Every structure is written in C-alpha cells, then in structure tokens.
PDB file of N, CA and C in Angstrom:
ATOM      1  N   MET A   1      99.079  94.420 107.842  1.00  0.00           N
ATOM      2  CA  MET A   1      99.174  94.354 106.296  1.00  0.00           C
ATOM      3  C   MET A   1     100.195  93.269 105.977  1.00  0.00           C
ATOM      4  N   ALA A   2      99.586  92.478 105.038  1.00  0.00           N
ATOM      5  CA  ALA A   2     100.352  91.278 104.495  1.00  0.00           C
ATOM      6  C   ALA A   2     100.613  91.502 103.240  1.00  0.00           C
ATOM      7  N   LYS A   3     101.764  90.814 102.654  1.00  0.00           N
ATOM      8  CA  LYS A   3     101.940  90.731 101.285  1.00  0.00           C
ATOM      9  C   LYS A   3     101.314  89.357 100.744  1.00  0.00           C
ATOM     10  N   ILE A   4     100.382  89.605  99.706  1.00  0.00           N
ATOM     11  CA  ILE A   4      99.672  88.514  99.268  1.00  0.00           C
ATOM     12  C   ILE A   4      99.703  88.361  97.656  1.00  0.00           C
ATOM     13  N   LEU A   5      99.794  87.153  97.174  1.00  0.00           N
ATOM     14  CA  LEU A   5     100.013  86.901  95.788  1.00  0.00           C
ATOM     15  C   LEU A   5      98.893  86.162  95.372  1.00  0.00           C
ATOM     16  N   VAL A   6      98.066  86.682  94.349  1.00  0.00           N
ATOM     17  CA  VAL A   6      96.937  86.024  93.784  1.00  0.00           C
ATOM     18  C   VAL A   6      97.216  85.447  92.581  1.00  0.00           C
ATOM     19  N   VAL A   7      97.094  84.197  92.379  1.00  0.00           N
ATOM     20  CA  VAL A   7      97.264  83.462  91.111  1.00  0.00           C
ATOM     21  C   VAL A   7      95.941  82.853  90.480  1.00  0.00           C
ATOM     22  N   ASP A   8      95.408  83.465  89.680  1.00  0.00           N
ATOM     23  CA  ASP A   8      94.168  82.926  89.083  1.00  0.00           C
ATOM     24  C   ASP A   8      94.221  83.251  87.542  1.00  0.00           C
ATOM     25  N   ASP A   9      93.588  82.279  86.552  1.00  0.00           N
ATOM     26  CA  ASP A   9      93.487  82.715  85.214  1.00  0.00           C
ATOM     27  C   ASP A   9      92.287  83.668  84.786  1.00  0.00           C
ATOM     28  N   ASP A  10      91.574  83.642  85.511  1.00  0.00           N
ATOM     29  CA  ASP A  10      90.158  84.629  85.335  1.00  0.00           C
ATOM     30  C   ASP A  10      90.433  85.955  85.692  1.00  0.00           C
ATOM     31  N   GLU A  11      90.627  86.825  84.846  1.00  0.00           N
ATOM     32  CA  GLU A  11      90.976  88.303  85.085  1.00  0.00           C
ATOM     33  C   GLU A  11      89.901  89.154  85.969  1.00  0.00           C
ATOM     34  N   GLY A  12      88.741  88.611  85.819  1.00  0.00           N
ATOM     35  CA  GLY A  12      87.808  89.265  86.602  1.00  0.00           C
ATOM     36  C   GLY A  12      87.821  88.775  87.909  1.00  0.00           C
ATOM     37  N   ILE A  13      88.296  87.550  88.396  1.00  0.00           N
ATOM     38  CA  ILE A  13      88.400  87.055  89.562  1.00  0.00           C
ATOM     39  C   ILE A  13      89.764  87.680  90.279  1.00  0.00           C
ATOM     40  N   ARG A  14      90.728  87.803  89.404  1.00  0.00           N
ATOM     41  CA  ARG A  14      92.028  88.381  89.834  1.00  0.00           C
ATOM     42  C   ARG A  14      91.661  90.004  90.426  1.00  0.00           C
ATOM     43  N   ASP A  15      90.909  90.614  89.454  1.00  0.00           N
ATOM     44  CA  ASP A  15      90.687  92.058  89.883  1.00  0.00           C
ATOM     45  C   ASP A  15      89.874  92.220  91.128  1.00  0.00           C
ATOM     46  N   LEU A  16      88.883  91.239  91.155  1.00  0.00           N
ATOM     47  CA  LEU A  16      88.042  91.327  92.442  1.00  0.00           C
ATOM     48  C   LEU A  16      88.964  91.075  93.796  1.00  0.00           C
ATOM     49  N   LEU A  17      89.747  89.938  93.605  1.00  0.00           N
ATOM     50  CA  LEU A  17      90.385  89.738  94.752  1.00  0.00           C
ATOM     51  C   LEU A  17      91.393  90.771  94.918  1.00  0.00           C
ATOM     52  N   HIS A  18      92.143  91.347  94.026  1.00  0.00           N
ATOM     53  CA  HIS A  18      93.044  92.458  94.169  1.00  0.00           C
ATOM     54  C   HIS A  18      92.320  93.609  94.849  1.00  0.00           C
ATOM     55  N   LEU A  19      91.313  94.035  94.298  1.00  0.00           N
ATOM     56  CA  LEU A  19      90.622  95.184  95.009  1.00  0.00           C
ATOM     57  C   LEU A  19      90.204  95.057  96.391  1.00  0.00           C
ATOM     58  N   THR A  20      89.645  93.876  96.494  1.00  0.00           N
ATOM     59  CA  THR A  20      88.942  93.509  97.840  1.00  0.00           C
ATOM     60  C   THR A  20      90.332  93.484  98.903  1.00  0.00           C
ATOM     61  N   LEU A  21      91.198  92.784  98.603  1.00  0.00           N
ATOM     62  CA  LEU A  21      92.322  92.664  99.589  1.00  0.00           C
ATOM     63  C   LEU A  21      93.265  93.981  99.754  1.00  0.00           C
ATOM     64  N   VAL A  22      93.230  94.848  98.717  1.00  0.00           N
ATOM     65  CA  VAL A  22      93.956  96.179  98.846  1.00  0.00           C
ATOM     66  C   VAL A  22      93.179  96.982  99.607  1.00  0.00           C
ATOM     67  N   ASP A  23      91.687  96.997  99.452  1.00  0.00           N
ATOM     68  CA  ASP A  23      90.788  97.818 100.444  1.00  0.00           C
ATOM     69  C   ASP A  23      90.998  97.434 101.829  1.00  0.00           C
ATOM     70  N   ALA A  24      91.335  95.966 101.813  1.00  0.00           N
ATOM     71  CA  ALA A  24      91.451  95.522 103.437  1.00  0.00           C
ATOM     72  C   ALA A  24      92.951  95.960 103.931  1.00  0.00           C
ATOM     73  N   GLY A  25      93.747  96.573 103.189  1.00  0.00           N
ATOM     74  CA  GLY A  25      94.979  97.141 103.707  1.00  0.00           C
ATOM     75  C   GLY A  25      96.193  96.264 103.308  1.00  0.00           C
ATOM     76  N   HIS A  26      96.075  95.248 102.511  1.00  0.00           N
ATOM     77  CA  HIS A  26      97.124  94.501 102.158  1.00  0.00           C
ATOM     78  C   HIS A  26      97.843  94.829 100.754  1.00  0.00           C
ATOM     79  N   VAL A  27      99.127  94.496 100.602  1.00  0.00           N
ATOM     80  CA  VAL A  27      99.908  94.699  99.365  1.00  0.00           C
ATOM     81  C   VAL A  27      99.743  93.302  98.714  1.00  0.00           C
ATOM     82  N   VAL A  28      99.093  93.658  97.312  1.00  0.00           N
ATOM     83  CA  VAL A  28      98.649  92.486  96.696  1.00  0.00           C
ATOM     84  C   VAL A  28      99.228  92.494  95.131  1.00  0.00           C
ATOM     85  N   SER A  29      99.838  91.271  94.790  1.00  0.00           N
ATOM     86  CA  SER A  29     100.241  91.115  93.481  1.00  0.00           C
ATOM     87  C   SER A  29      99.394  90.174  92.883  1.00  0.00           C
ATOM     88  N   VAL A  30      99.196  90.244  91.503  1.00  0.00           N
ATOM     89  CA  VAL A  30      98.464  89.145  90.671  1.00  0.00           C
ATOM     90  C   VAL A  30      99.116  88.610  89.523  1.00  0.00           C
ATOM     91  N   VAL A  31      98.844  87.284  89.179  1.00  0.00           N
ATOM     92  CA  VAL A  31      99.300  86.861  88.027  1.00  0.00           C
ATOM     93  C   VAL A  31      98.380  85.794  87.556  1.00  0.00           C
ATOM     94  N   GLY A  32      98.513  85.405  86.148  1.00  0.00           N
ATOM     95  CA  GLY A  32      97.448  84.762  85.661  1.00  0.00           C
ATOM     96  C   GLY A  32      97.650  83.149  85.367  1.00  0.00           C
ATOM     97  N   ASP A  33      98.829  82.618  85.907  1.00  0.00           N
ATOM     98  CA  ASP A  33      99.063  81.112  85.682  1.00  0.00           C
ATOM     99  C   ASP A  33     100.028  80.771  86.801  1.00  0.00           C
ATOM    100  N   GLY A  34      99.992  79.345  86.821  1.00  0.00           N
ATOM    101  CA  GLY A  34     100.990  78.750  87.874  1.00  0.00           C
ATOM    102  C   GLY A  34     102.350  78.881  87.697  1.00  0.00           C
ATOM    103  N   VAL A  35     102.821  78.818  86.403  1.00  0.00           N
ATOM    104  CA  VAL A  35     104.204  79.154  86.184  1.00  0.00           C
ATOM    105  C   VAL A  35     104.603  80.558  86.463  1.00  0.00           C
ATOM    106  N   ALA A  36     103.952  81.565  86.055  1.00  0.00           N
ATOM    107  CA  ALA A  36     104.056  83.060  86.443  1.00  0.00           C
ATOM    108  C   ALA A  36     103.935  83.055  88.165  1.00  0.00           C
ATOM    109  N   GLY A  37     102.992  82.353  88.398  1.00  0.00           N
ATOM    110  CA  GLY A  37     102.978  82.341  89.922  1.00  0.00           C
ATOM    111  C   GLY A  37     104.134  82.019  90.727  1.00  0.00           C
ATOM    112  N   LEU A  38     104.719  80.873  90.321  1.00  0.00           N
ATOM    113  CA  LEU A  38     106.018  80.390  90.871  1.00  0.00           C
ATOM    114  C   LEU A  38     107.056  81.344  90.913  1.00  0.00           C
ATOM    115  N   SER A  39     107.183  81.960  89.794  1.00  0.00           N
ATOM    116  CA  SER A  39     108.184  83.016  89.452  1.00  0.00           C
ATOM    117  C   SER A  39     108.037  84.168  90.327  1.00  0.00           C
ATOM    118  N   GLU A  40     106.763  84.688  90.334  1.00  0.00           N
ATOM    119  CA  GLU A  40     106.554  85.805  91.180  1.00  0.00           C
ATOM    120  C   GLU A  40     106.559  85.436  92.681  1.00  0.00           C
ATOM    121  N   PHE A  41     106.328  84.269  93.046  1.00  0.00           N
ATOM    122  CA  PHE A  41     106.440  83.925  94.490  1.00  0.00           C
ATOM    123  C   PHE A  41     107.838  83.983  94.877  1.00  0.00           C
ATOM    124  N   ARG A  42     108.687  83.576  93.937  1.00  0.00           N
ATOM    125  CA  ARG A  42     110.216  83.536  94.292  1.00  0.00           C
ATOM    126  C   ARG A  42     110.676  84.895  94.252  1.00  0.00           C
ATOM    127  N   LYS A  43     110.139  85.796  93.520  1.00  0.00           N
ATOM    128  CA  LYS A  43     110.505  87.146  93.750  1.00  0.00           C
ATOM    129  C   LYS A  43     110.062  88.048  94.974  1.00  0.00           C
ATOM    130  N   SER A  44     108.935  87.730  95.190  1.00  0.00           N
ATOM    131  CA  SER A  44     108.181  88.657  95.984  1.00  0.00           C
ATOM    132  C   SER A  44     108.082  88.056  97.662  1.00  0.00           C
ATOM    133  N   THR A  45     108.315  86.834  97.778  1.00  0.00           N
ATOM    134  CA  THR A  45     108.142  85.987  99.094  1.00  0.00           C
ATOM    135  C   THR A  45     106.853  86.702  99.800  1.00  0.00           C
ATOM    136  N   PRO A  46     105.718  86.416  99.244  1.00  0.00           N
ATOM    137  CA  PRO A  46     104.462  86.742  99.977  1.00  0.00           C
ATOM    138  C   PRO A  46     104.250  86.247 101.199  1.00  0.00           C
ATOM    139  N   ASP A  47     103.411  86.690 102.045  1.00  0.00           N
ATOM    140  CA  ASP A  47     102.907  86.044 103.332  1.00  0.00           C
ATOM    141  C   ASP A  47     101.866  85.019 103.185  1.00  0.00           C
ATOM    142  N   LEU A  48     101.149  85.209 101.897  1.00  0.00           N
ATOM    143  CA  LEU A  48     100.037  84.376 101.602  1.00  0.00           C
ATOM    144  C   LEU A  48      99.712  84.205 100.302  1.00  0.00           C
ATOM    145  N   LEU A  49      99.779  83.087  99.787  1.00  0.00           N
ATOM    146  CA  LEU A  49      99.375  82.707  98.379  1.00  0.00           C
ATOM    147  C   LEU A  49      98.037  82.272  98.271  1.00  0.00           C
ATOM    148  N   ILE A  50      97.486  83.047  97.277  1.00  0.00           N
ATOM    149  CA  ILE A  50      95.839  82.543  96.860  1.00  0.00           C
ATOM    150  C   ILE A  50      96.019  82.004  95.646  1.00  0.00           C
ATOM    151  N   ALA A  51      95.766  80.613  95.517  1.00  0.00           N
ATOM    152  CA  ALA A  51      96.007  79.973  94.179  1.00  0.00           C
ATOM    153  C   ALA A  51      94.673  79.193  93.775  1.00  0.00           C
ATOM    154  N   ASP A  52      94.323  79.673  92.508  1.00  0.00           N
ATOM    155  CA  ASP A  52      93.291  78.828  91.837  1.00  0.00           C
ATOM    156  C   ASP A  52      93.725  77.382  91.452  1.00  0.00           C
ATOM    157  N   LEU A  53      92.882  76.424  91.392  1.00  0.00           N
ATOM    158  CA  LEU A  53      93.402  75.061  91.260  1.00  0.00           C
ATOM    159  C   LEU A  53      93.372  74.693  89.639  1.00  0.00           C
ATOM    160  N   VAL A  54      92.557  75.265  89.055  1.00  0.00           N
ATOM    161  CA  VAL A  54      92.432  74.730  87.737  1.00  0.00           C
ATOM    162  C   VAL A  54      92.811  75.972  86.754  1.00  0.00           C
ATOM    163  N   MET A  55      93.995  75.955  86.214  1.00  0.00           N
ATOM    164  CA  MET A  55      94.388  76.888  85.317  1.00  0.00           C
ATOM    165  C   MET A  55      95.384  76.383  84.238  1.00  0.00           C
ATOM    166  N   PRO A  56      95.192  76.981  82.984  1.00  0.00           N
ATOM    167  CA  PRO A  56      96.111  76.552  81.964  1.00  0.00           C
ATOM    168  C   PRO A  56      97.434  77.237  82.367  1.00  0.00           C
ATOM    169  N   GLY A  57      98.594  76.676  81.884  1.00  0.00           N
ATOM    170  CA  GLY A  57     100.053  77.204  82.249  1.00  0.00           C
ATOM    171  C   GLY A  57     100.286  77.088  83.503  1.00  0.00           C
ATOM    172  N   GLY A  58      99.909  75.913  84.151  1.00  0.00           N
ATOM    173  CA  GLY A  58     100.519  75.379  85.534  1.00  0.00           C
ATOM    174  C   GLY A  58      99.525  75.410  86.443  1.00  0.00           C
ATOM    175  N   GLU A  59      99.034  74.319  86.807  1.00  0.00           N
ATOM    176  CA  GLU A  59      97.908  73.928  87.826  1.00  0.00           C
ATOM    177  C   GLU A  59      98.288  74.367  89.149  1.00  0.00           C
ATOM    178  N   GLY A  60      97.268  74.904  89.973  1.00  0.00           N
ATOM    179  CA  GLY A  60      97.425  75.242  91.279  1.00  0.00           C
ATOM    180  C   GLY A  60      97.908  74.118  92.136  1.00  0.00           C
ATOM    181  N   ILE A  61      97.633  72.916  92.004  1.00  0.00           N
ATOM    182  CA  ILE A  61      98.127  72.026  92.870  1.00  0.00           C
ATOM    183  C   ILE A  61      99.768  71.799  92.822  1.00  0.00           C
ATOM    184  N   THR A  62     100.282  71.823  91.528  1.00  0.00           N
ATOM    185  CA  THR A  62     101.455  72.060  91.268  1.00  0.00           C
ATOM    186  C   THR A  62     102.145  73.075  91.927  1.00  0.00           C
ATOM    187  N   LEU A  63     101.579  74.338  91.816  1.00  0.00           N
ATOM    188  CA  LEU A  63     102.034  75.429  92.477  1.00  0.00           C
ATOM    189  C   LEU A  63     102.067  75.338  94.050  1.00  0.00           C
ATOM    190  N   ILE A  64     101.069  74.816  94.627  1.00  0.00           N
ATOM    191  CA  ILE A  64     101.175  74.506  96.156  1.00  0.00           C
ATOM    192  C   ILE A  64     102.056  73.530  96.460  1.00  0.00           C
ATOM    193  N   ASN A  65     102.290  72.534  95.741  1.00  0.00           N
ATOM    194  CA  ASN A  65     103.339  71.633  96.115  1.00  0.00           C
ATOM    195  C   ASN A  65     104.710  72.242  95.949  1.00  0.00           C
ATOM    196  N   ALA A  66     105.045  73.266  95.010  1.00  0.00           N
ATOM    197  CA  ALA A  66     106.339  73.690  94.979  1.00  0.00           C
ATOM    198  C   ALA A  66     106.530  74.684  96.085  1.00  0.00           C
ATOM    199  N   VAL A  67     105.495  75.613  96.417  1.00  0.00           N
ATOM    200  CA  VAL A  67     105.572  76.400  97.423  1.00  0.00           C
ATOM    201  C   VAL A  67     105.731  75.839  98.663  1.00  0.00           C
ATOM    202  N   ARG A  68     105.031  74.597  99.080  1.00  0.00           N
ATOM    203  CA  ARG A  68     105.223  74.041 100.375  1.00  0.00           C
ATOM    204  C   ARG A  68     106.563  73.459 100.462  1.00  0.00           C
ATOM    205  N   GLU A  69     107.215  73.170  99.353  1.00  0.00           N
ATOM    206  CA  GLU A  69     108.623  72.637  99.408  1.00  0.00           C
ATOM    207  C   GLU A  69     109.674  73.757  99.708  1.00  0.00           C
ATOM    208  N   GLU A  70     109.503  74.818  98.978  1.00  0.00           N
ATOM    209  CA  GLU A  70     110.420  76.007  99.149  1.00  0.00           C
ATOM    210  C   GLU A  70     110.086  76.861 100.268  1.00  0.00           C
ATOM    211  N   ALA A  71     108.799  77.033 100.814  1.00  0.00           N
ATOM    212  CA  ALA A  71     108.529  77.859 101.802  1.00  0.00           C
ATOM    213  C   ALA A  71     107.463  77.274 102.745  1.00  0.00           C
ATOM    214  N   PRO A  72     107.879  76.411 103.512  1.00  0.00           N
ATOM    215  CA  PRO A  72     106.751  75.626 104.185  1.00  0.00           C
ATOM    216  C   PRO A  72     105.845  76.522 105.259  1.00  0.00           C
ATOM    217  N   ARG A  73     106.405  77.637 105.643  1.00  0.00           N
ATOM    218  CA  ARG A  73     105.407  78.372 106.455  1.00  0.00           C
ATOM    219  C   ARG A  73     104.711  79.449 105.843  1.00  0.00           C
ATOM    220  N   CYS A  74     104.730  79.607 104.539  1.00  0.00           N
ATOM    221  CA  CYS A  74     103.774  80.352 103.765  1.00  0.00           C
ATOM    222  C   CYS A  74     102.429  79.802 103.875  1.00  0.00           C
ATOM    223  N   LEU A  75     101.584  80.914 104.180  1.00  0.00           N
ATOM    224  CA  LEU A  75     100.103  80.547 104.102  1.00  0.00           C
ATOM    225  C   LEU A  75      99.542  80.333 102.619  1.00  0.00           C
ATOM    226  N   ILE A  76      98.708  79.370 102.449  1.00  0.00           N
ATOM    227  CA  ILE A  76      98.238  79.045 101.196  1.00  0.00           C
ATOM    228  C   ILE A  76      96.586  79.107 101.354  1.00  0.00           C
ATOM    229  N   LEU A  77      95.887  79.749 100.431  1.00  0.00           N
ATOM    230  CA  LEU A  77      94.598  79.611 100.295  1.00  0.00           C
ATOM    231  C   LEU A  77      94.171  79.151  98.976  1.00  0.00           C
ATOM    232  N   ALA A  78      93.796  77.945  98.841  1.00  0.00           N
ATOM    233  CA  ALA A  78      93.225  77.510  97.511  1.00  0.00           C
ATOM    234  C   ALA A  78      91.927  77.853  97.142  1.00  0.00           C
ATOM    235  N   ILE A  79      91.472  78.180  96.020  1.00  0.00           N
ATOM    236  CA  ILE A  79      90.239  78.554  95.207  1.00  0.00           C
ATOM    237  C   ILE A  79      89.872  77.740  94.221  1.00  0.00           C
ATOM    238  N   SER A  80      88.647  77.241  94.014  1.00  0.00           N
ATOM    239  CA  SER A  80      88.192  76.505  92.691  1.00  0.00           C
ATOM    240  C   SER A  80      86.767  76.865  92.468  1.00  0.00           C
ATOM    241  N   GLY A  81      86.465  77.337  91.160  1.00  0.00           N
ATOM    242  CA  GLY A  81      85.039  77.165  90.736  1.00  0.00           C
ATOM    243  C   GLY A  81      84.829  76.042  89.780  1.00  0.00           C
ATOM    244  N   SER A  82      85.698  75.093  89.843  1.00  0.00           N
ATOM    245  CA  SER A  82      85.713  73.844  88.840  1.00  0.00           C
ATOM    246  C   SER A  82      84.360  73.151  89.080  1.00  0.00           C
ATOM    247  N   LEU A  83      83.736  72.401  88.201  1.00  0.00           N
ATOM    248  CA  LEU A  83      82.769  71.503  88.298  1.00  0.00           C
ATOM    249  C   LEU A  83      83.141  70.460  89.378  1.00  0.00           C
ATOM    250  N   HIS A  84      84.458  70.127  89.597  1.00  0.00           N
ATOM    251  CA  HIS A  84      84.973  69.124  90.462  1.00  0.00           C
ATOM    252  C   HIS A  84      85.691  69.775  91.638  1.00  0.00           C
ATOM    253  N   ALA A  85      85.175  71.072  91.987  1.00  0.00           N
ATOM    254  CA  ALA A  85      85.626  71.621  93.178  1.00  0.00           C
ATOM    255  C   ALA A  85      85.690  70.724  94.400  1.00  0.00           C
ATOM    256  N   ASP A  86      84.425  69.946  94.494  1.00  0.00           N
ATOM    257  CA  ASP A  86      84.512  69.161  95.583  1.00  0.00           C
ATOM    258  C   ASP A  86      85.499  67.897  95.729  1.00  0.00           C
ATOM    259  N   VAL A  87      86.062  67.769  94.646  1.00  0.00           N
ATOM    260  CA  VAL A  87      87.334  66.938  94.690  1.00  0.00           C
ATOM    261  C   VAL A  87      88.627  67.615  94.859  1.00  0.00           C
ATOM    262  N   PHE A  88      88.824  68.830  94.171  1.00  0.00           N
ATOM    263  CA  PHE A  88      89.931  69.417  94.183  1.00  0.00           C
ATOM    264  C   PHE A  88      90.309  70.270  95.427  1.00  0.00           C
ATOM    265  N   LEU A  89      89.287  70.791  96.081  1.00  0.00           N
ATOM    266  CA  LEU A  89      89.465  71.429  97.136  1.00  0.00           C
ATOM    267  C   LEU A  89      90.061  70.563  98.453  1.00  0.00           C
ATOM    268  N   PRO A  90      89.461  69.564  98.795  1.00  0.00           N
ATOM    269  CA  PRO A  90      90.013  68.641  99.855  1.00  0.00           C
ATOM    270  C   PRO A  90      91.442  68.164  99.310  1.00  0.00           C
ATOM    271  N   SER A  91      91.527  67.814  98.033  1.00  0.00           N
ATOM    272  CA  SER A  91      92.877  67.574  97.545  1.00  0.00           C
ATOM    273  C   SER A  91      93.903  68.788  97.861  1.00  0.00           C
ATOM    274  N   ALA A  92      93.757  69.952  97.696  1.00  0.00           N
ATOM    275  CA  ALA A  92      94.478  71.022  98.060  1.00  0.00           C
ATOM    276  C   ALA A  92      94.842  71.216  99.401  1.00  0.00           C
ATOM    277  N   ILE A  93      93.798  70.812 100.427  1.00  0.00           N
ATOM    278  CA  ILE A  93      94.327  70.651 101.768  1.00  0.00           C
ATOM    279  C   ILE A  93      95.165  69.737 102.061  1.00  0.00           C
ATOM    280  N   ARG A  94      94.967  68.355 101.402  1.00  0.00           N
ATOM    281  CA  ARG A  94      95.966  67.325 101.521  1.00  0.00           C
ATOM    282  C   ARG A  94      97.477  67.645 101.147  1.00  0.00           C
ATOM    283  N   ARG A  95      97.531  68.450 100.000  1.00  0.00           N
ATOM    284  CA  ARG A  95      98.596  68.967  99.587  1.00  0.00           C
ATOM    285  C   ARG A  95      99.322  70.135 100.255  1.00  0.00           C
ATOM    286  N   GLY A  96      98.602  70.520 101.326  1.00  0.00           N
ATOM    287  CA  GLY A  96      99.533  71.733 102.044  1.00  0.00           C
ATOM    288  C   GLY A  96      98.690  72.823 102.103  1.00  0.00           C
ATOM    289  N   ALA A  97      97.403  73.144 101.489  1.00  0.00           N
ATOM    290  CA  ALA A  97      96.916  74.420 101.574  1.00  0.00           C
ATOM    291  C   ALA A  97      96.317  74.544 103.005  1.00  0.00           C
ATOM    292  N   ASP A  98      96.348  75.810 103.540  1.00  0.00           N
ATOM    293  CA  ASP A  98      95.775  75.995 104.873  1.00  0.00           C
ATOM    294  C   ASP A  98      94.308  76.194 104.825  1.00  0.00           C
ATOM    295  N   LEU A  99      93.781  76.524 103.760  1.00  0.00           N
ATOM    296  CA  LEU A  99      92.287  76.716 103.617  1.00  0.00           C
ATOM    297  C   LEU A  99      91.948  76.421 102.165  1.00  0.00           C
ATOM    298  N   ALA A 100      90.757  76.154 101.802  1.00  0.00           N
ATOM    299  CA  ALA A 100      90.387  75.921 100.718  1.00  0.00           C
ATOM    300  C   ALA A 100      88.788  76.506 100.407  1.00  0.00           C
ATOM    301  N   LEU A 101      88.621  77.395  99.370  1.00  0.00           N
ATOM    302  CA  LEU A 101      87.193  78.028  99.355  1.00  0.00           C
ATOM    303  C   LEU A 101      86.832  77.660  97.893  1.00  0.00           C
ATOM    304  N   GLY A 102      85.503  77.556  97.707  1.00  0.00           N
ATOM    305  CA  GLY A 102      84.804  77.519  96.463  1.00  0.00           C
ATOM    306  C   GLY A 102      84.544  78.851  95.972  1.00  0.00           C
ATOM    307  N   LYS A 103      84.633  78.894  94.515  1.00  0.00           N
ATOM    308  CA  LYS A 103      84.085  79.984  93.837  1.00  0.00           C
ATOM    309  C   LYS A 103      82.744  80.097  93.823  1.00  0.00           C
ATOM    310  N   PRO A 104      82.004  81.175  93.549  1.00  0.00           N
ATOM    311  CA  PRO A 104      82.425  82.519  93.746  1.00  0.00           C
ATOM    312  C   PRO A 104      82.816  82.643  95.488  1.00  0.00           C
ATOM    313  N   VAL A 105      83.747  83.495  95.553  1.00  0.00           N
ATOM    314  CA  VAL A 105      84.131  84.004  96.985  1.00  0.00           C
ATOM    315  C   VAL A 105      83.523  85.372  97.253  1.00  0.00           C
ATOM    316  N   ARG A 106      82.807  85.505  98.313  1.00  0.00           N
ATOM    317  CA  ARG A 106      82.274  86.707  98.715  1.00  0.00           C
ATOM    318  C   ARG A 106      83.477  87.579  99.255  1.00  0.00           C
ATOM    319  N   PRO A 107      83.372  88.790  98.820  1.00  0.00           N
ATOM    320  CA  PRO A 107      84.539  89.752  99.339  1.00  0.00           C
ATOM    321  C   PRO A 107      84.818  89.724 100.855  1.00  0.00           C
ATOM    322  N   ASP A 108      83.451  89.842 101.414  1.00  0.00           N
ATOM    323  CA  ASP A 108      83.372  89.959 103.115  1.00  0.00           C
ATOM    324  C   ASP A 108      84.022  88.841 103.506  1.00  0.00           C
ATOM    325  N   ALA A 109      83.596  87.657 103.043  1.00  0.00           N
ATOM    326  CA  ALA A 109      84.047  86.306 103.429  1.00  0.00           C
ATOM    327  C   ALA A 109      85.637  86.094 103.359  1.00  0.00           C
ATOM    328  N   LEU A 110      86.041  86.614 102.078  1.00  0.00           N
ATOM    329  CA  LEU A 110      87.231  86.412 101.799  1.00  0.00           C
ATOM    330  C   LEU A 110      88.374  87.254 102.795  1.00  0.00           C
ATOM    331  N   VAL A 111      87.942  88.503 102.985  1.00  0.00           N
ATOM    332  CA  VAL A 111      88.555  89.327 103.953  1.00  0.00           C
ATOM    333  C   VAL A 111      88.654  88.729 105.327  1.00  0.00           C
ATOM    334  N   GLN A 112      87.488  88.224 105.809  1.00  0.00           N
ATOM    335  CA  GLN A 112      87.488  87.497 107.029  1.00  0.00           C
ATOM    336  C   GLN A 112      88.263  86.304 107.210  1.00  0.00           C
ATOM    337  N   GLN A 113      88.299  85.536 106.078  1.00  0.00           N
ATOM    338  CA  GLN A 113      89.016  84.222 106.080  1.00  0.00           C
ATOM    339  C   GLN A 113      90.512  84.453 106.107  1.00  0.00           C
ATOM    340  N   VAL A 114      90.910  85.557 105.212  1.00  0.00           N
ATOM    341  CA  VAL A 114      92.359  85.873 105.210  1.00  0.00           C
ATOM    342  C   VAL A 114      92.834  86.505 106.610  1.00  0.00           C
ATOM    343  N   ALA A 115      92.102  87.369 107.165  1.00  0.00           N
ATOM    344  CA  ALA A 115      92.248  87.883 108.435  1.00  0.00           C
ATOM    345  C   ALA A 115      92.593  86.745 109.683  1.00  0.00           C
ATOM    346  N   GLU A 116      91.701  85.745 109.406  1.00  0.00           N
ATOM    347  CA  GLU A 116      91.906  84.839 110.342  1.00  0.00           C
ATOM    348  C   GLU A 116      93.064  83.853 110.264  1.00  0.00           C
ATOM    349  N   LEU A 117      93.341  83.648 108.801  1.00  0.00           N
ATOM    350  CA  LEU A 117      94.652  82.913 108.586  1.00  0.00           C
ATOM    351  C   LEU A 117      95.946  83.778 108.941  1.00  0.00           C
ATOM    352  N   LEU A 118      95.954  84.904 108.771  1.00  0.00           N
ATOM    353  CA  LEU A 118      97.064  85.904 109.243  1.00  0.00           C
ATOM    354  C   LEU A 118      97.224  85.828 110.819  1.00  0.00           C
ATOM    355  N   ARG A 119      96.043  85.936 111.427  1.00  0.00           N
ATOM    356  CA  ARG A 119      96.011  86.071 113.038  1.00  0.00           C
ATOM    357  C   ARG A 119      96.645  84.770 113.404  1.00  0.00           C
ATOM    358  N   ARG A 120      96.168  83.634 112.954  1.00  0.00           N
ATOM    359  CA  ARG A 120      96.749  82.474 113.432  1.00  0.00           C
ATOM    360  C   ARG A 120      98.104  82.165 113.245  1.00  0.00           C
ATOM    361  N   ARG A 121      98.810  82.790 112.299  1.00  0.00           N
ATOM    362  CA  ARG A 121     100.170  82.823 111.952  1.00  0.00           C
ATOM    363  C   ARG A 121     100.814  83.984 112.709  1.00  0.00           C
ATOM    364  N   GLY A 122     100.095  84.791 113.332  1.00  0.00           N
ATOM    365  CA  GLY A 122     100.806  85.908 114.082  1.00  0.00           C
ATOM    366  C   GLY A 122     101.219  86.877 113.173  1.00  0.00           C
ATOM    367  N   LEU A 123     100.574  87.204 111.931  1.00  0.00           N
ATOM    368  CA  LEU A 123     101.064  88.083 110.902  1.00  0.00           C
ATOM    369  C   LEU A 123     100.039  89.385 110.896  1.00  0.00           C
ATOM    370  N   SER A 124      98.949  89.478 111.796  1.00  0.00           N
ATOM    371  CA  SER A 124      98.048  90.654 111.729  1.00  0.00           C
ATOM    372  C   SER A 124      97.972  91.237 113.111  1.00  0.00           C
TER     373      SER A 124
END
C-alpha cells in the first residue's frame, strides 16, 4: 500500500484514478491544480505523485520540477491528454518524471504501471 497524490484538473479523471488506485489498496489524495498539488504534496509526503501536465492554476511540469527539487526520491507519473502530449510526455521524463502515460489511461494498465514503479523502488 502506497500513499499516492493525484493532481489533475479534470474531475472525471481524478475520480477514475482515485477509485482505481483505492481499489488496488492504496491511500489516495486528489487535488485539481498544480498549486494545490504542491501544497498537498508538502503536507502528505506521498510515495507517488501522479500529475497531469496541462492544467490551469499551475502546470504539471512546474509541479514536477518543484517535487524533484524537494523530494528527489518521490516517484512521479506524468499523464497528459493534450493534443501536444507527444511533446509534453517526453519533456516530463527529461524533467524528472519516472514514467509518462497518455490519456486516456486504462485502469488495469494504471494499476500495473503503478505496481511496477513501486516495486522498482522497493515500496510494494
């Protein structure tokens, strides 16, 4: 069981990720933008951050940069459904994300990818 923070401006995506990850046995917090995400990250110190890259109120790349600086060992999964995801997702990896996935993310694939990230870090 890991502590996971989901940061996404789309309520439907937040709900889907929350339900999927809770059903997989994780403790999950959700917020709707990067500014709130950084604040919640500092309060809850999650094992894994899942961050949308394109959001009003604080972009995901800015959040990833801040988290990498403050908590270099935190796992980061970047997600994007933007028309420019083919540019944004590789950029997220270069900025420090451990994994980047395009939306829509299938729930079974999400659970599998999260489990693999946690296993590689010795958290599962």
